Amino acid sequence: MRELIIAFGLFLFIEGILYALFPSKMKNMLKKLELIKDNQLRIGGLIFVLIGFIIIYIVKN
């Protein structure tokens, strides 16, 4: 459970850094997100989940 909290904190830290350093670029990126189809976002999300799971599995073993 501790690792999950640390991972969430790291996620928030990285997101915060991006918005703090590149606010206008992040706004533009979010506007462009509306142009992407739901299926493409879903597939991209599943790919990131799979990559994240593989990384966690490799590091933990």
N, C-alpha and C. Protein backbone atom coordinates (compact mmCIF):
# COMPACT_ATOMS: atom_id res chain seq x y z
N MET A 1 0.82 -1.19 0.00
CA MET A 1 0.00 0.00 0.00
C MET A 1 0.87 1.26 0.00
N ARG A 2 1.98 1.18 0.71
CA ARG A 2 2.89 2.33 0.78
C ARG A 2 3.42 2.70 -0.61
N GLU A 3 3.75 1.67 -1.40
CA GLU A 3 4.26 1.92 -2.75
C GLU A 3 3.22 2.59 -3.63
N LEU A 4 1.96 2.22 -3.44
CA LEU A 4 0.88 2.83 -4.22
C LEU A 4 0.75 4.31 -3.90
N ILE A 5 0.86 4.66 -2.65
CA ILE A 5 0.80 6.06 -2.25
C ILE A 5 1.99 6.83 -2.80
N ILE A 6 3.17 6.23 -2.75
CA ILE A 6 4.37 6.86 -3.31
C ILE A 6 4.21 7.05 -4.81
N ALA A 7 3.69 6.04 -5.50
CA ALA A 7 3.49 6.14 -6.95
C ALA A 7 2.50 7.25 -7.28
N PHE A 8 1.43 7.36 -6.50
CA PHE A 8 0.45 8.43 -6.73
C PHE A 8 1.07 9.80 -6.50
N GLY A 9 1.88 9.91 -5.46
CA GLY A 9 2.58 11.17 -5.19
C GLY A 9 3.53 11.53 -6.32
N LEU A 10 4.23 10.55 -6.84
CA LEU A 10 5.14 10.79 -7.97
C LEU A 10 4.37 11.23 -9.21
N PHE A 11 3.22 10.60 -9.45
CA PHE A 11 2.36 11.00 -10.57
C PHE A 11 1.94 12.46 -10.43
N LEU A 12 1.48 12.85 -9.25
CA LEU A 12 1.07 14.24 -9.03
C LEU A 12 2.23 15.20 -9.17
N PHE A 13 3.40 14.80 -8.71
CA PHE A 13 4.59 15.63 -8.82
C PHE A 13 4.93 15.88 -10.28
N ILE A 14 4.94 14.82 -11.09
CA ILE A 14 5.29 14.96 -12.51
C ILE A 14 4.25 15.80 -13.23
N GLU A 15 2.96 15.55 -12.97
CA GLU A 15 1.91 16.36 -13.59
C GLU A 15 2.06 17.83 -13.20
N GLY A 16 2.32 18.08 -11.94
CA GLY A 16 2.47 19.46 -11.48
C GLY A 16 3.64 20.16 -12.13
N ILE A 17 4.74 19.46 -12.28
CA ILE A 17 5.93 20.03 -12.93
C ILE A 17 5.60 20.44 -14.36
N LEU A 18 4.90 19.56 -15.08
CA LEU A 18 4.56 19.86 -16.48
C LEU A 18 3.69 21.11 -16.58
N TYR A 19 2.67 21.21 -15.73
CA TYR A 19 1.80 22.39 -15.76
C TYR A 19 2.52 23.65 -15.29
N ALA A 20 3.44 23.51 -14.36
CA ALA A 20 4.17 24.67 -13.85
C ALA A 20 5.18 25.19 -14.87
N LEU A 21 5.86 24.28 -15.58
CA LEU A 21 6.89 24.70 -16.51
C LEU A 21 6.36 25.07 -17.89
N PHE A 22 5.29 24.39 -18.33
CA PHE A 22 4.78 24.58 -19.69
C PHE A 22 3.27 24.80 -19.70
N PRO A 23 2.76 25.84 -19.04
CA PRO A 23 1.30 25.99 -18.96
C PRO A 23 0.62 26.17 -20.31
N SER A 24 1.19 26.97 -21.20
CA SER A 24 0.53 27.20 -22.48
C SER A 24 0.57 25.96 -23.36
N LYS A 25 1.68 25.23 -23.32
CA LYS A 25 1.77 23.99 -24.11
C LYS A 25 0.79 22.94 -23.59
N MET A 26 0.62 22.87 -22.28
CA MET A 26 -0.32 21.92 -21.71
C MET A 26 -1.76 22.27 -22.11
N LYS A 27 -2.09 23.57 -22.15
CA LYS A 27 -3.41 24.00 -22.59
C LYS A 27 -3.65 23.59 -24.04
N ASN A 28 -2.66 23.82 -24.89
CA ASN A 28 -2.79 23.45 -26.30
C ASN A 28 -2.95 21.94 -26.46
N MET A 29 -2.22 21.19 -25.67
CA MET A 29 -2.31 19.74 -25.75
C MET A 29 -3.70 19.26 -25.34
N LEU A 30 -4.26 19.87 -24.30
CA LEU A 30 -5.59 19.48 -23.85
C LEU A 30 -6.66 19.85 -24.87
N LYS A 31 -6.47 20.96 -25.58
CA LYS A 31 -7.42 21.33 -26.63
C LYS A 31 -7.37 20.32 -27.77
N LYS A 32 -6.19 19.85 -28.11
CA LYS A 32 -6.03 18.88 -29.19
C LYS A 32 -6.58 17.52 -28.81
N LEU A 33 -6.69 17.27 -27.52
CA LEU A 33 -7.20 15.99 -27.04
C LEU A 33 -8.64 15.77 -27.48
N GLU A 34 -9.40 16.86 -27.65
CA GLU A 34 -10.79 16.75 -28.09
C GLU A 34 -10.90 16.20 -29.51
N LEU A 35 -9.85 16.35 -30.31
CA LEU A 35 -9.89 15.89 -31.70
C LEU A 35 -9.64 14.39 -31.83
N ILE A 36 -9.13 13.77 -30.79
CA ILE A 36 -8.81 12.35 -30.83
C ILE A 36 -10.07 11.54 -30.52
N LYS A 37 -10.29 10.49 -31.28
CA LYS A 37 -11.47 9.64 -31.09
C LYS A 37 -11.35 8.87 -29.77
N ASP A 38 -12.51 8.54 -29.20
CA ASP A 38 -12.55 7.82 -27.92
C ASP A 38 -11.81 6.49 -28.00
N ASN A 39 -11.99 5.77 -29.10
CA ASN A 39 -11.32 4.48 -29.23
C ASN A 39 -9.80 4.61 -29.22
N GLN A 40 -9.28 5.67 -29.87
CA GLN A 40 -7.84 5.89 -29.88
C GLN A 40 -7.34 6.18 -28.46
N LEU A 41 -8.09 6.98 -27.71
CA LEU A 41 -7.71 7.27 -26.32
C LEU A 41 -7.75 6.00 -25.47
N ARG A 42 -8.78 5.20 -25.67
CA ARG A 42 -8.92 3.97 -24.91
C ARG A 42 -7.76 3.03 -25.19
N ILE A 43 -7.43 2.86 -26.45
CA ILE A 43 -6.32 1.97 -26.83
C ILE A 43 -5.00 2.50 -26.27
N GLY A 44 -4.78 3.81 -26.39
CA GLY A 44 -3.57 4.41 -25.83
C GLY A 44 -3.49 4.21 -24.33
N GLY A 45 -4.61 4.40 -23.64
CA GLY A 45 -4.64 4.18 -22.20
C GLY A 45 -4.33 2.75 -21.83
N LEU A 46 -4.89 1.81 -22.57
CA LEU A 46 -4.62 0.40 -22.29
C LEU A 46 -3.16 0.04 -22.55
N ILE A 47 -2.57 0.65 -23.57
CA ILE A 47 -1.15 0.41 -23.84
C ILE A 47 -0.30 0.93 -22.69
N PHE A 48 -0.63 2.13 -22.18
CA PHE A 48 0.13 2.67 -21.05
C PHE A 48 -0.05 1.82 -19.80
N VAL A 49 -1.26 1.31 -19.58
CA VAL A 49 -1.50 0.43 -18.44
C VAL A 49 -0.63 -0.82 -18.55
N LEU A 50 -0.59 -1.40 -19.74
CA LEU A 50 0.20 -2.60 -19.96
C LEU A 50 1.69 -2.33 -19.76
N ILE A 51 2.18 -1.23 -20.32
CA ILE A 51 3.60 -0.88 -20.15
C ILE A 51 3.91 -0.65 -18.67
N GLY A 52 3.03 0.07 -17.97
CA GLY A 52 3.24 0.31 -16.54
C GLY A 52 3.25 -0.97 -15.75
N PHE A 53 2.33 -1.89 -16.07
CA PHE A 53 2.29 -3.17 -15.38
C PHE A 53 3.57 -3.96 -15.61
N ILE A 54 4.05 -3.98 -16.84
CA ILE A 54 5.29 -4.70 -17.17
C ILE A 54 6.48 -4.11 -16.41
N ILE A 55 6.56 -2.78 -16.37
CA ILE A 55 7.65 -2.12 -15.63
C ILE A 55 7.60 -2.49 -14.15
N ILE A 56 6.41 -2.43 -13.57
CA ILE A 56 6.27 -2.78 -12.15
C ILE A 56 6.65 -4.24 -11.92
N TYR A 57 6.19 -5.11 -12.79
CA TYR A 57 6.50 -6.54 -12.66
C TYR A 57 7.99 -6.80 -12.72
N ILE A 58 8.67 -6.15 -13.67
CA ILE A 58 10.12 -6.35 -13.83
C ILE A 58 10.86 -5.81 -12.61
N VAL A 59 10.49 -4.64 -12.14
CA VAL A 59 11.20 -4.02 -11.00
C VAL A 59 10.96 -4.81 -9.72
N LYS A 60 9.75 -5.32 -9.52
CA LYS A 60 9.43 -6.03 -8.29
C LYS A 60 10.06 -7.43 -8.25
N ASN A 61 10.39 -8.00 -9.39
CA ASN A 61 10.95 -9.37 -9.41
C ASN A 61 12.42 -9.37 -9.70
